[in-house]
Amino acid sequence: MAYPSTHKLTVIHISAHSPSIGASPVAEYLRVPFRCSIEKLTAVANGSITTADCSIAVALNGAAISGSPFTLPVAGAGVGQVASMTPTAKSYANEDDTISFTPSGASGANIAGNFTAVLKQA
């Protein structure tokens, strides 16, 4: 089986864990380790959200990243469900900036989730 693509050593993935993306959502934050561009943002559900889609607002130092929010749909919800977003305009970050992921709108008790930012060193 061929690998779908390779990532250069200048591209890293950093992740954060939220104990709740459903009822009583908890925002999570990532520290940017170096000057970079934000290439992709993802969310993975650790359970089945219910009732409505989970909207995930993403911000850099409090300012919304273009294309945010993105949606983790309730249709097909389940463990391991993935949603992703590529910023609609180039977003650049500096070392020690903060990327925040703020889930909202979904239901379901004790549904955790993981968020990942794909960063390319400048």
PDB file of N, CA and C in Angstrom:
ATOM      1  N   MET A   1       0.836  -1.177   0.000  1.00  0.00           N
ATOM      2  CA  MET A   1       0.000   0.000   0.000  1.00  0.00           C
ATOM      3  C   MET A   1       0.881   1.241   0.000  1.00  0.00           C
ATOM      4  N   ALA A   2       0.617   2.141  -0.895  1.00  0.00           N
ATOM      5  CA  ALA A   2       1.385   3.385  -0.988  1.00  0.00           C
ATOM      6  C   ALA A   2       0.904   4.379   0.055  1.00  0.00           C
ATOM      7  N   TYR A   3       1.813   5.167   0.559  1.00  0.00           N
ATOM      8  CA  TYR A   3       1.450   6.232   1.488  1.00  0.00           C
ATOM      9  C   TYR A   3       0.827   7.377   0.691  1.00  0.00           C
ATOM     10  N   PRO A   4      -0.217   8.022   1.241  1.00  0.00           N
ATOM     11  CA  PRO A   4      -0.917   9.059   0.480  1.00  0.00           C
ATOM     12  C   PRO A   4      -0.080  10.312   0.234  1.00  0.00           C
ATOM     13  N   SER A   5       0.753  10.689   1.173  1.00  0.00           N
ATOM     14  CA  SER A   5       1.607  11.868   0.999  1.00  0.00           C
ATOM     15  C   SER A   5       2.647  11.880   2.103  1.00  0.00           C
ATOM     16  N   THR A   6       3.626  12.717   1.929  1.00  0.00           N
ATOM     17  CA  THR A   6       4.644  12.866   2.962  1.00  0.00           C
ATOM     18  C   THR A   6       4.621  14.301   3.472  1.00  0.00           C
ATOM     19  N   HIS A   7       5.072  14.472   4.686  1.00  0.00           N
ATOM     20  CA  HIS A   7       5.194  15.801   5.274  1.00  0.00           C
ATOM     21  C   HIS A   7       6.668  16.106   5.456  1.00  0.00           C
ATOM     22  N   LYS A   8       7.052  17.296   5.091  1.00  0.00           N
ATOM     23  CA  LYS A   8       8.430  17.715   5.288  1.00  0.00           C
ATOM     24  C   LYS A   8       8.692  17.885   6.777  1.00  0.00           C
ATOM     25  N   LEU A   9       9.950  17.901   7.162  1.00  0.00           N
ATOM     26  CA  LEU A   9      10.306  18.074   8.568  1.00  0.00           C
ATOM     27  C   LEU A   9       9.938  19.460   9.084  1.00  0.00           C
ATOM     28  N   THR A  10       9.621  20.378   8.198  1.00  0.00           N
ATOM     29  CA  THR A  10       9.216  21.723   8.612  1.00  0.00           C
ATOM     30  C   THR A  10       7.722  21.815   8.908  1.00  0.00           C
ATOM     31  N   VAL A  11       7.003  20.703   8.769  1.00  0.00           N
ATOM     32  CA  VAL A  11       5.571  20.660   9.062  1.00  0.00           C
ATOM     33  C   VAL A  11       5.349  19.800  10.295  1.00  0.00           C
ATOM     34  N   ILE A  12       4.693  20.369  11.305  1.00  0.00           N
ATOM     35  CA  ILE A  12       4.410  19.577  12.505  1.00  0.00           C
ATOM     36  C   ILE A  12       2.928  19.647  12.835  1.00  0.00           C
ATOM     37  N   HIS A  13       2.486  18.669  13.602  1.00  0.00           N
ATOM     38  CA  HIS A  13       1.110  18.591  14.077  1.00  0.00           C
ATOM     39  C   HIS A  13       1.159  18.725  15.598  1.00  0.00           C
ATOM     40  N   ILE A  14       0.412  19.679  16.148  1.00  0.00           N
ATOM     41  CA  ILE A  14       0.322  19.789  17.602  1.00  0.00           C
ATOM     42  C   ILE A  14      -1.141  19.635  17.990  1.00  0.00           C
ATOM     43  N   SER A  15      -1.378  18.998  19.132  1.00  0.00           N
ATOM     44  CA  SER A  15      -2.744  18.650  19.515  1.00  0.00           C
ATOM     45  C   SER A  15      -3.079  19.050  20.936  1.00  0.00           C
ATOM     46  N   ALA A  16      -4.389  19.203  21.176  1.00  0.00           N
ATOM     47  CA  ALA A  16      -4.923  19.485  22.505  1.00  0.00           C
ATOM     48  C   ALA A  16      -6.159  18.613  22.700  1.00  0.00           C
ATOM     49  N   HIS A  17      -6.492  18.334  23.946  1.00  0.00           N
ATOM     50  CA  HIS A  17      -7.624  17.471  24.285  1.00  0.00           C
ATOM     51  C   HIS A  17      -8.661  18.269  25.070  1.00  0.00           C
ATOM     52  N   SER A  18      -9.924  18.173  24.663  1.00  0.00           N
ATOM     53  CA  SER A  18     -11.024  18.789  25.397  1.00  0.00           C
ATOM     54  C   SER A  18     -11.842  17.689  26.066  1.00  0.00           C
ATOM     55  N   PRO A  19     -12.131  17.828  27.354  1.00  0.00           N
ATOM     56  CA  PRO A  19     -12.944  16.809  28.027  1.00  0.00           C
ATOM     57  C   PRO A  19     -14.408  16.841  27.610  1.00  0.00           C
ATOM     58  N   SER A  20     -14.837  17.934  26.925  1.00  0.00           N
ATOM     59  CA  SER A  20     -16.235  18.009  26.511  1.00  0.00           C
ATOM     60  C   SER A  20     -16.409  18.890  25.280  1.00  0.00           C
ATOM     61  N   ILE A  21     -16.922  18.281  24.189  1.00  0.00           N
ATOM     62  CA  ILE A  21     -17.284  19.052  22.995  1.00  0.00           C
ATOM     63  C   ILE A  21     -18.790  19.038  22.783  1.00  0.00           C
ATOM     64  N   GLY A  22     -19.515  18.317  23.641  1.00  0.00           N
ATOM     65  CA  GLY A  22     -20.968  18.235  23.567  1.00  0.00           C
ATOM     66  C   GLY A  22     -21.574  19.184  24.583  1.00  0.00           C
ATOM     67  N   ALA A  23     -22.376  18.626  25.489  1.00  0.00           N
ATOM     68  CA  ALA A  23     -22.957  19.433  26.559  1.00  0.00           C
ATOM     69  C   ALA A  23     -21.827  20.002  27.418  1.00  0.00           C
ATOM     70  N   SER A  24     -21.966  21.225  27.851  1.00  0.00           N
ATOM     71  CA  SER A  24     -20.937  21.918  28.649  1.00  0.00           C
ATOM     72  C   SER A  24     -19.581  21.897  27.939  1.00  0.00           C
ATOM     73  N   PRO A  25     -19.484  22.473  26.734  1.00  0.00           N
ATOM     74  CA  PRO A  25     -18.234  22.423  25.971  1.00  0.00           C
ATOM     75  C   PRO A  25     -17.091  23.161  26.667  1.00  0.00           C
ATOM     76  N   VAL A  26     -15.883  22.639  26.481  1.00  0.00           N
ATOM     77  CA  VAL A  26     -14.687  23.213  27.082  1.00  0.00           C
ATOM     78  C   VAL A  26     -13.717  23.607  25.969  1.00  0.00           C
ATOM     79  N   ALA A  27     -13.332  24.885  25.938  1.00  0.00           N
ATOM     80  CA  ALA A  27     -12.364  25.366  24.950  1.00  0.00           C
ATOM     81  C   ALA A  27     -10.980  24.829  25.286  1.00  0.00           C
ATOM     82  N   GLU A  28     -10.160  24.675  24.262  1.00  0.00           N
ATOM     83  CA  GLU A  28      -8.777  24.225  24.448  1.00  0.00           C
ATOM     84  C   GLU A  28      -7.834  25.157  23.705  1.00  0.00           C
ATOM     85  N   TYR A  29      -6.574  25.172  24.142  1.00  0.00           N
ATOM     86  CA  TYR A  29      -5.587  26.121  23.633  1.00  0.00           C
ATOM     87  C   TYR A  29      -4.277  25.405  23.310  1.00  0.00           C
ATOM     88  N   LEU A  30      -3.623  25.896  22.246  1.00  0.00           N
ATOM     89  CA  LEU A  30      -2.310  25.380  21.843  1.00  0.00           C
ATOM     90  C   LEU A  30      -1.319  26.531  21.827  1.00  0.00           C
ATOM     91  N   ARG A  31      -0.100  26.270  22.275  1.00  0.00           N
ATOM     92  CA  ARG A  31       0.988  27.237  22.159  1.00  0.00           C
ATOM     93  C   ARG A  31       1.714  26.976  20.853  1.00  0.00           C
ATOM     94  N   VAL A  32       1.915  28.030  20.065  1.00  0.00           N
ATOM     95  CA  VAL A  32       2.636  27.911  18.797  1.00  0.00           C
ATOM     96  C   VAL A  32       4.140  27.880  19.128  1.00  0.00           C
ATOM     97  N   PRO A  33       4.872  26.831  18.689  1.00  0.00           N
ATOM     98  CA  PRO A  33       6.271  26.682  19.086  1.00  0.00           C
ATOM     99  C   PRO A  33       7.293  27.466  18.253  1.00  0.00           C
ATOM    100  N   PHE A  34       6.874  28.012  17.088  1.00  0.00           N
ATOM    101  CA  PHE A  34       7.812  28.724  16.219  1.00  0.00           C
ATOM    102  C   PHE A  34       7.033  29.580  15.221  1.00  0.00           C
ATOM    103  N   ARG A  35       7.722  30.457  14.492  1.00  0.00           N
ATOM    104  CA  ARG A  35       7.066  31.239  13.437  1.00  0.00           C
ATOM    105  C   ARG A  35       6.594  30.280  12.359  1.00  0.00           C
ATOM    106  N   CYS A  36       5.344  30.465  11.914  1.00  0.00           N
ATOM    107  CA  CYS A  36       4.792  29.481  10.986  1.00  0.00           C
ATOM    108  C   CYS A  36       3.549  30.007  10.278  1.00  0.00           C
ATOM    109  N   SER A  37       3.099  29.218   9.318  1.00  0.00           N
ATOM    110  CA  SER A  37       1.778  29.429   8.727  1.00  0.00           C
ATOM    111  C   SER A  37       0.894  28.287   9.217  1.00  0.00           C
ATOM    112  N   ILE A  38      -0.379  28.588   9.394  1.00  0.00           N
ATOM    113  CA  ILE A  38      -1.339  27.578   9.837  1.00  0.00           C
ATOM    114  C   ILE A  38      -1.929  26.939   8.580  1.00  0.00           C
ATOM    115  N   GLU A  39      -1.643  25.665   8.388  1.00  0.00           N
ATOM    116  CA  GLU A  39      -2.015  24.969   7.162  1.00  0.00           C
ATOM    117  C   GLU A  39      -3.359  24.261   7.238  1.00  0.00           C
ATOM    118  N   LYS A  40      -3.687  23.699   8.397  1.00  0.00           N
ATOM    119  CA  LYS A  40      -4.911  22.916   8.527  1.00  0.00           C
ATOM    120  C   LYS A  40      -5.274  22.806  10.002  1.00  0.00           C
ATOM    121  N   LEU A  41      -6.566  22.693  10.282  1.00  0.00           N
ATOM    122  CA  LEU A  41      -7.064  22.528  11.643  1.00  0.00           C
ATOM    123  C   LEU A  41      -8.055  21.374  11.639  1.00  0.00           C
ATOM    124  N   THR A  42      -7.982  20.494  12.639  1.00  0.00           N
ATOM    125  CA  THR A  42      -8.851  19.330  12.662  1.00  0.00           C
ATOM    126  C   THR A  42      -9.450  19.103  14.043  1.00  0.00           C
ATOM    127  N   ALA A  43     -10.535  18.341  14.056  1.00  0.00           N
ATOM    128  CA  ALA A  43     -11.174  17.894  15.292  1.00  0.00           C
ATOM    129  C   ALA A  43     -11.523  16.424  15.132  1.00  0.00           C
ATOM    130  N   VAL A  44     -11.388  15.675  16.220  1.00  0.00           N
ATOM    131  CA  VAL A  44     -11.767  14.267  16.236  1.00  0.00           C
ATOM    132  C   VAL A  44     -12.638  14.052  17.467  1.00  0.00           C
ATOM    133  N   ALA A  45     -13.822  13.470  17.260  1.00  0.00           N
ATOM    134  CA  ALA A  45     -14.731  13.185  18.367  1.00  0.00           C
ATOM    135  C   ALA A  45     -14.344  11.877  19.049  1.00  0.00           C
ATOM    136  N   ASN A  46     -14.426  11.875  20.372  1.00  0.00           N
ATOM    137  CA  ASN A  46     -14.151  10.656  21.146  1.00  0.00           C
ATOM    138  C   ASN A  46     -15.450   9.983  21.579  1.00  0.00           C
ATOM    139  N   GLY A  47     -16.561  10.379  20.975  1.00  0.00           N
ATOM    140  CA  GLY A  47     -17.873   9.806  21.270  1.00  0.00           C
ATOM    141  C   GLY A  47     -18.877  10.346  20.271  1.00  0.00           C
ATOM    142  N   SER A  48     -20.134  10.033  20.464  1.00  0.00           N
ATOM    143  CA  SER A  48     -21.181  10.476  19.547  1.00  0.00           C
ATOM    144  C   SER A  48     -21.874  11.721  20.077  1.00  0.00           C
ATOM    145  N   ILE A  49     -21.700  12.837  19.371  1.00  0.00           N
ATOM    146  CA  ILE A  49     -22.454  14.034  19.723  1.00  0.00           C
ATOM    147  C   ILE A  49     -23.899  13.803  19.304  1.00  0.00           C
ATOM    148  N   THR A  50     -24.821  14.541  19.916  1.00  0.00           N
ATOM    149  CA  THR A  50     -26.237  14.349  19.608  1.00  0.00           C
ATOM    150  C   THR A  50     -26.914  15.683  19.354  1.00  0.00           C
ATOM    151  N   THR A  51     -28.107  15.651  18.846  1.00  0.00           N
ATOM    152  CA  THR A  51     -29.018  16.778  18.645  1.00  0.00           C
ATOM    153  C   THR A  51     -28.616  17.731  17.525  1.00  0.00           C
ATOM    154  N   ALA A  52     -27.400  18.267  17.546  1.00  0.00           N
ATOM    155  CA  ALA A  52     -27.005  19.279  16.560  1.00  0.00           C
ATOM    156  C   ALA A  52     -25.512  19.161  16.255  1.00  0.00           C
ATOM    157  N   ASP A  53     -25.112  19.801  15.151  1.00  0.00           N
ATOM    158  CA  ASP A  53     -23.698  19.841  14.771  1.00  0.00           C
ATOM    159  C   ASP A  53     -22.880  20.546  15.850  1.00  0.00           C
ATOM    160  N   CYS A  54     -21.616  20.188  15.937  1.00  0.00           N
ATOM    161  CA  CYS A  54     -20.687  20.874  16.821  1.00  0.00           C
ATOM    162  C   CYS A  54     -19.936  21.909  15.984  1.00  0.00           C
ATOM    163  N   SER A  55     -20.141  23.161  16.287  1.00  0.00           N
ATOM    164  CA  SER A  55     -19.445  24.253  15.605  1.00  0.00           C
ATOM    165  C   SER A  55     -18.159  24.532  16.383  1.00  0.00           C
ATOM    166  N   ILE A  56     -17.037  24.603  15.680  1.00  0.00           N
ATOM    167  CA  ILE A  56     -15.749  24.807  16.349  1.00  0.00           C
ATOM    168  C   ILE A  56     -15.135  26.100  15.844  1.00  0.00           C
ATOM    169  N   ALA A  57     -15.141  27.109  16.699  1.00  0.00           N
ATOM    170  CA  ALA A  57     -14.533  28.397  16.372  1.00  0.00           C
ATOM    171  C   ALA A  57     -13.042  28.300  16.663  1.00  0.00           C
ATOM    172  N   VAL A  58     -12.233  28.770  15.723  1.00  0.00           N
ATOM    173  CA  VAL A  58     -10.778  28.716  15.890  1.00  0.00           C
ATOM    174  C   VAL A  58     -10.235  30.135  15.792  1.00  0.00           C
ATOM    175  N   ALA A  59      -9.377  30.492  16.743  1.00  0.00           N
ATOM    176  CA  ALA A  59      -8.828  31.850  16.778  1.00  0.00           C
ATOM    177  C   ALA A  59      -7.329  31.815  17.047  1.00  0.00           C
ATOM    178  N   LEU A  60      -6.656  32.828  16.564  1.00  0.00           N
ATOM    179  CA  LEU A  60      -5.228  33.030  16.823  1.00  0.00           C
ATOM    180  C   LEU A  60      -5.124  34.295  17.659  1.00  0.00           C
ATOM    181  N   ASN A  61      -4.674  34.153  18.887  1.00  0.00           N
ATOM    182  CA  ASN A  61      -4.579  35.272  19.831  1.00  0.00           C
ATOM    183  C   ASN A  61      -5.905  36.016  19.953  1.00  0.00           C
ATOM    184  N   GLY A  62      -7.013  35.276  19.909  1.00  0.00           N
ATOM    185  CA  GLY A  62      -8.331  35.867  20.080  1.00  0.00           C
ATOM    186  C   GLY A  62      -9.003  36.346  18.807  1.00  0.00           C
ATOM    187  N   ALA A  63      -8.284  36.428  17.691  1.00  0.00           N
ATOM    188  CA  ALA A  63      -8.865  36.865  16.412  1.00  0.00           C
ATOM    189  C   ALA A  63      -9.208  35.630  15.576  1.00  0.00           C
ATOM    190  N   ALA A  64     -10.421  35.588  15.046  1.00  0.00           N
ATOM    191  CA  ALA A  64     -10.871  34.428  14.273  1.00  0.00           C
ATOM    192  C   ALA A  64      -9.951  34.157  13.084  1.00  0.00           C
ATOM    193  N   ILE A  65      -9.641  32.897  12.858  1.00  0.00           N
ATOM    194  CA  ILE A  65      -8.875  32.477  11.692  1.00  0.00           C
ATOM    195  C   ILE A  65      -9.850  32.395  10.520  1.00  0.00           C
ATOM    196  N   SER A  66      -9.436  32.860   9.349  1.00  0.00           N
ATOM    197  CA  SER A  66     -10.333  32.880   8.187  1.00  0.00           C
ATOM    198  C   SER A  66     -10.854  31.469   7.890  1.00  0.00           C
ATOM    199  N   GLY A  67     -12.153  31.395   7.657  1.00  0.00           N
ATOM    200  CA  GLY A  67     -12.785  30.103   7.424  1.00  0.00           C
ATOM    201  C   GLY A  67     -13.414  29.519   8.675  1.00  0.00           C
ATOM    202  N   SER A  68     -13.121  30.093   9.827  1.00  0.00           N
ATOM    203  CA  SER A  68     -13.675  29.619  11.088  1.00  0.00           C
ATOM    204  C   SER A  68     -15.077  30.202  11.266  1.00  0.00           C
ATOM    205  N   PRO A  69     -15.982  29.473  11.866  1.00  0.00           N
ATOM    206  CA  PRO A  69     -15.838  28.146  12.460  1.00  0.00           C
ATOM    207  C   PRO A  69     -15.994  27.033  11.429  1.00  0.00           C
ATOM    208  N   PHE A  70     -15.585  25.841  11.840  1.00  0.00           N
ATOM    209  CA  PHE A  70     -15.856  24.670  11.012  1.00  0.00           C
ATOM    210  C   PHE A  70     -16.756  23.725  11.802  1.00  0.00           C
ATOM    211  N   THR A  71     -17.319  22.736  11.126  1.00  0.00           N
ATOM    212  CA  THR A  71     -18.370  21.924  11.731  1.00  0.00           C
ATOM    213  C   THR A  71     -18.010  20.453  11.807  1.00  0.00           C
ATOM    214  N   LEU A  72     -18.277  19.884  12.978  1.00  0.00           N
ATOM    215  CA  LEU A  72     -18.242  18.439  13.175  1.00  0.00           C
ATOM    216  C   LEU A  72     -19.710  18.013  13.146  1.00  0.00           C
ATOM    217  N   PRO A  73     -20.186  17.412  12.042  1.00  0.00           N
ATOM    218  CA  PRO A  73     -21.622  17.177  11.884  1.00  0.00           C
ATOM    219  C   PRO A  73     -22.167  16.074  12.780  1.00  0.00           C
ATOM    220  N   VAL A  74     -23.423  16.254  13.199  1.00  0.00           N
ATOM    221  CA  VAL A  74     -24.092  15.232  14.001  1.00  0.00           C
ATOM    222  C   VAL A  74     -24.455  14.034  13.123  1.00  0.00           C
ATOM    223  N   ALA A  75     -24.689  14.261  11.828  1.00  0.00           N
ATOM    224  CA  ALA A  75     -24.971  13.161  10.906  1.00  0.00           C
ATOM    225  C   ALA A  75     -23.737  12.267  10.820  1.00  0.00           C
ATOM    226  N   GLY A  76     -23.900  11.012  11.132  1.00  0.00           N
ATOM    227  CA  GLY A  76     -22.773  10.084  11.105  1.00  0.00           C
ATOM    228  C   GLY A  76     -21.873  10.196  12.317  1.00  0.00           C
ATOM    229  N   ALA A  77     -22.358  10.878  13.359  1.00  0.00           N
ATOM    230  CA  ALA A  77     -21.535  11.088  14.555  1.00  0.00           C
ATOM    231  C   ALA A  77     -21.135   9.756  15.178  1.00  0.00           C
ATOM    232  N   GLY A  78     -19.921   9.713  15.659  1.00  0.00           N
ATOM    233  CA  GLY A  78     -19.437   8.517  16.323  1.00  0.00           C
ATOM    234  C   GLY A  78     -17.999   8.684  16.747  1.00  0.00           C
ATOM    235  N   VAL A  79     -17.520   7.716  17.467  1.00  0.00           N
ATOM    236  CA  VAL A  79     -16.131   7.730  17.916  1.00  0.00           C
ATOM    237  C   VAL A  79     -15.218   7.753  16.699  1.00  0.00           C
ATOM    238  N   GLY A  80     -14.255   8.649  16.699  1.00  0.00           N
ATOM    239  CA  GLY A  80     -13.298   8.732  15.604  1.00  0.00           C
ATOM    240  C   GLY A  80     -13.740   9.592  14.443  1.00  0.00           C
ATOM    241  N   GLN A  81     -14.902  10.210  14.544  1.00  0.00           N
ATOM    242  CA  GLN A  81     -15.355  11.102  13.473  1.00  0.00           C
ATOM    243  C   GLN A  81     -14.408  12.297  13.374  1.00  0.00           C
ATOM    244  N   VAL A  82     -13.993  12.628  12.150  1.00  0.00           N
ATOM    245  CA  VAL A  82     -13.022  13.695  11.902  1.00  0.00           C
ATOM    246  C   VAL A  82     -13.649  14.808  11.081  1.00  0.00           C
ATOM    247  N   ALA A  83     -13.324  16.036  11.440  1.00  0.00           N
ATOM    248  CA  ALA A  83     -13.690  17.210  10.641  1.00  0.00           C
ATOM    249  C   ALA A  83     -12.440  18.067  10.528  1.00  0.00           C
ATOM    250  N   SER A  84     -12.295  18.741   9.392  1.00  0.00           N
ATOM    251  CA  SER A  84     -11.103  19.579   9.230  1.00  0.00           C
ATOM    252  C   SER A  84     -11.428  20.858   8.488  1.00  0.00           C
ATOM    253  N   MET A  85     -10.515  21.796   8.575  1.00  0.00           N
ATOM    254  CA  MET A  85     -10.667  23.094   7.934  1.00  0.00           C
ATOM    255  C   MET A  85      -9.301  23.568   7.465  1.00  0.00           C
ATOM    256  N   THR A  86      -9.246  24.078   6.264  1.00  0.00           N
ATOM    257  CA  THR A  86      -8.063  24.761   5.764  1.00  0.00           C
ATOM    258  C   THR A  86      -8.402  26.243   5.763  1.00  0.00           C
ATOM    259  N   PRO A  87      -7.589  27.088   6.416  1.00  0.00           N
ATOM    260  CA  PRO A  87      -7.905  28.521   6.426  1.00  0.00           C
ATOM    261  C   PRO A  87      -8.110  29.046   5.003  1.00  0.00           C
ATOM    262  N   THR A  88      -9.109  29.919   4.829  1.00  0.00           N
ATOM    263  CA  THR A  88      -9.422  30.450   3.509  1.00  0.00           C
ATOM    264  C   THR A  88      -8.463  31.546   3.069  1.00  0.00           C
ATOM    265  N   ALA A  89      -7.682  32.065   3.992  1.00  0.00           N
ATOM    266  CA  ALA A  89      -6.614  33.029   3.685  1.00  0.00           C
ATOM    267  C   ALA A  89      -5.409  32.625   4.529  1.00  0.00           C
ATOM    268  N   LYS A  90      -4.215  32.920   4.053  1.00  0.00           N
ATOM    269  CA  LYS A  90      -3.006  32.552   4.802  1.00  0.00           C
ATOM    270  C   LYS A  90      -3.058  33.151   6.200  1.00  0.00           C
ATOM    271  N   SER A  91      -2.781  32.318   7.201  1.00  0.00           N
ATOM    272  CA  SER A  91      -2.721  32.753   8.591  1.00  0.00           C
ATOM    273  C   SER A  91      -1.326  32.472   9.106  1.00  0.00           C
ATOM    274  N   TYR A  92      -0.678  33.501   9.616  1.00  0.00           N
ATOM    275  CA  TYR A  92       0.683  33.368  10.120  1.00  0.00           C
ATOM    276  C   TYR A  92       0.702  33.568  11.629  1.00  0.00           C
ATOM    277  N   ALA A  93       1.555  32.818  12.303  1.00  0.00           N
ATOM    278  CA  ALA A  93       1.672  32.900  13.753  1.00  0.00           C
ATOM    279  C   ALA A  93       3.137  33.044  14.134  1.00  0.00           C
ATOM    280  N   ASN A  94       3.361  33.599  15.306  1.00  0.00           N
ATOM    281  CA  ASN A  94       4.705  33.743  15.861  1.00  0.00           C
ATOM    282  C   ASN A  94       4.868  32.818  17.055  1.00  0.00           C
ATOM    283  N   GLU A  95       6.103  32.561  17.434  1.00  0.00           N
ATOM    284  CA  GLU A  95       6.378  31.754  18.616  1.00  0.00           C
ATOM    285  C   GLU A  95       5.648  32.342  19.814  1.00  0.00           C
ATOM    286  N   ASP A  96       5.047  31.478  20.616  1.00  0.00           N
ATOM    287  CA  ASP A  96       4.299  31.819  21.829  1.00  0.00           C
ATOM    288  C   ASP A  96       2.930  32.447  21.564  1.00  0.00           C
ATOM    289  N   ASP A  97       2.453  32.448  20.307  1.00  0.00           N
ATOM    290  CA  ASP A  97       1.071  32.817  20.046  1.00  0.00           C
ATOM    291  C   ASP A  97       0.178  31.671  20.526  1.00  0.00           C
ATOM    292  N   THR A  98      -1.112  31.937  20.620  1.00  0.00           N
ATOM    293  CA  THR A  98      -2.062  30.938  21.103  1.00  0.00           C
ATOM    294  C   THR A  98      -3.146  30.677  20.066  1.00  0.00           C
ATOM    295  N   ILE A  99      -3.380  29.397  19.780  1.00  0.00           N
ATOM    296  CA  ILE A  99      -4.487  28.985  18.922  1.00  0.00           C
ATOM    297  C   ILE A  99      -5.553  28.401  19.845  1.00  0.00           C
ATOM    298  N   SER A 100      -6.792  28.914  19.737  1.00  0.00           N
ATOM    299  CA  SER A 100      -7.874  28.401  20.578  1.00  0.00           C
ATOM    300  C   SER A 100      -8.913  27.684  19.719  1.00  0.00           C
ATOM    301  N   PHE A 101      -9.465  26.627  20.284  1.00  0.00           N
ATOM    302  CA  PHE A 101     -10.549  25.856  19.677  1.00  0.00           C
ATOM    303  C   PHE A 101     -11.725  25.928  20.652  1.00  0.00           C
ATOM    304  N   THR A 102     -12.850  26.495  20.205  1.00  0.00           N
ATOM    305  CA  THR A 102     -14.010  26.657  21.079  1.00  0.00           C
ATOM    306  C   THR A 102     -15.215  25.936  20.473  1.00  0.00           C
ATOM    307  N   PRO A 103     -15.557  24.750  21.013  1.00  0.00           N
ATOM    308  CA  PRO A 103     -16.708  24.006  20.501  1.00  0.00           C
ATOM    309  C   PRO A 103     -18.014  24.584  21.046  1.00  0.00           C
ATOM    310  N   SER A 104     -19.110  24.439  20.277  1.00  0.00           N
ATOM    311  CA  SER A 104     -20.423  24.870  20.753  1.00  0.00           C
ATOM    312  C   SER A 104     -21.518  24.212  19.930  1.00  0.00           C
ATOM    313  N   GLY A 105     -22.726  24.193  20.494  1.00  0.00           N
ATOM    314  CA  GLY A 105     -23.907  23.779  19.754  1.00  0.00           C
ATOM    315  C   GLY A 105     -24.310  22.321  19.840  1.00  0.00           C
ATOM    316  N   ALA A 106     -23.409  21.423  20.174  1.00  0.00           N
ATOM    317  CA  ALA A 106     -23.745  19.996  20.202  1.00  0.00           C
ATOM    318  C   ALA A 106     -24.221  19.578  21.586  1.00  0.00           C
ATOM    319  N   SER A 107     -24.863  18.422  21.649  1.00  0.00           N
ATOM    320  CA  SER A 107     -25.284  17.843  22.918  1.00  0.00           C
ATOM    321  C   SER A 107     -24.587  16.501  23.087  1.00  0.00           C
ATOM    322  N   GLY A 108     -24.816  15.907  24.217  1.00  0.00           N
ATOM    323  CA  GLY A 108     -24.197  14.626  24.527  1.00  0.00           C
ATOM    324  C   GLY A 108     -23.282  14.793  25.724  1.00  0.00           C
ATOM    325  N   ALA A 109     -23.517  14.021  26.751  1.00  0.00           N
ATOM    326  CA  ALA A 109     -22.731  14.135  27.983  1.00  0.00           C
ATOM    327  C   ALA A 109     -21.396  13.409  27.858  1.00  0.00           C
ATOM    328  N   ASN A 110     -20.386  14.000  28.429  1.00  0.00           N
ATOM    329  CA  ASN A 110     -19.057  13.390  28.518  1.00  0.00           C
ATOM    330  C   ASN A 110     -18.479  12.980  27.166  1.00  0.00           C
ATOM    331  N   ILE A 111     -18.682  13.809  26.131  1.00  0.00           N
ATOM    332  CA  ILE A 111     -18.113  13.546  24.813  1.00  0.00           C
ATOM    333  C   ILE A 111     -16.835  14.372  24.695  1.00  0.00           C
ATOM    334  N   ALA A 112     -15.721  13.707  24.739  1.00  0.00           N
ATOM    335  CA  ALA A 112     -14.431  14.391  24.635  1.00  0.00           C
ATOM    336  C   ALA A 112     -14.061  14.581  23.170  1.00  0.00           C
ATOM    337  N   GLY A 113     -13.028  15.363  22.924  1.00  0.00           N
ATOM    338  CA  GLY A 113     -12.559  15.567  21.559  1.00  0.00           C
ATOM    339  C   GLY A 113     -11.112  16.011  21.540  1.00  0.00           C
ATOM    340  N   ASN A 114     -10.479  15.813  20.413  1.00  0.00           N
ATOM    341  CA  ASN A 114      -9.090  16.242  20.222  1.00  0.00           C
ATOM    342  C   ASN A 114      -9.034  17.230  19.073  1.00  0.00           C
ATOM    343  N   PHE A 115      -8.193  18.239  19.210  1.00  0.00           N
ATOM    344  CA  PHE A 115      -8.005  19.253  18.187  1.00  0.00           C
ATOM    345  C   PHE A 115      -6.544  19.253  17.770  1.00  0.00           C
ATOM    346  N   THR A 116      -6.297  19.449  16.476  1.00  0.00           N
ATOM    347  CA  THR A 116      -4.932  19.459  15.967  1.00  0.00           C
ATOM    348  C   THR A 116      -4.745  20.638  15.021  1.00  0.00           C
ATOM    349  N   ALA A 117      -3.584  21.269  15.116  1.00  0.00           N
ATOM    350  CA  ALA A 117      -3.178  22.310  14.176  1.00  0.00           C
ATOM    351  C   ALA A 117      -1.958  21.797  13.413  1.00  0.00           C
ATOM    352  N   VAL A 118      -2.002  21.931  12.096  1.00  0.00           N
ATOM    353  CA  VAL A 118      -0.869  21.566  11.246  1.00  0.00           C
ATOM    354  C   VAL A 118      -0.145  22.869  10.910  1.00  0.00           C
ATOM    355  N   LEU A 119       1.112  22.962  11.338  1.00  0.00           N
ATOM    356  CA  LEU A 119       1.885  24.192  11.213  1.00  0.00           C
ATOM    357  C   LEU A 119       3.106  23.964  10.328  1.00  0.00           C
ATOM    358  N   LYS A 120       3.375  24.949   9.469  1.00  0.00           N
ATOM    359  CA  LYS A 120       4.534  24.888   8.574  1.00  0.00           C
ATOM    360  C   LYS A 120       5.485  26.001   8.965  1.00  0.00           C
ATOM    361  N   GLN A 121       6.712  25.633   9.350  1.00  0.00           N
ATOM    362  CA  GLN A 121       7.702  26.622   9.781  1.00  0.00           C
ATOM    363  C   GLN A 121       7.969  27.633   8.676  1.00  0.00           C
ATOM    364  N   ALA A 122       8.126  28.890   9.105  1.00  0.00           N
ATOM    365  CA  ALA A 122       8.413  29.964   8.153  1.00  0.00           C
ATOM    366  C   ALA A 122       9.895  30.016   7.855  1.00  0.00           C
TER     367      ALA A 122
END
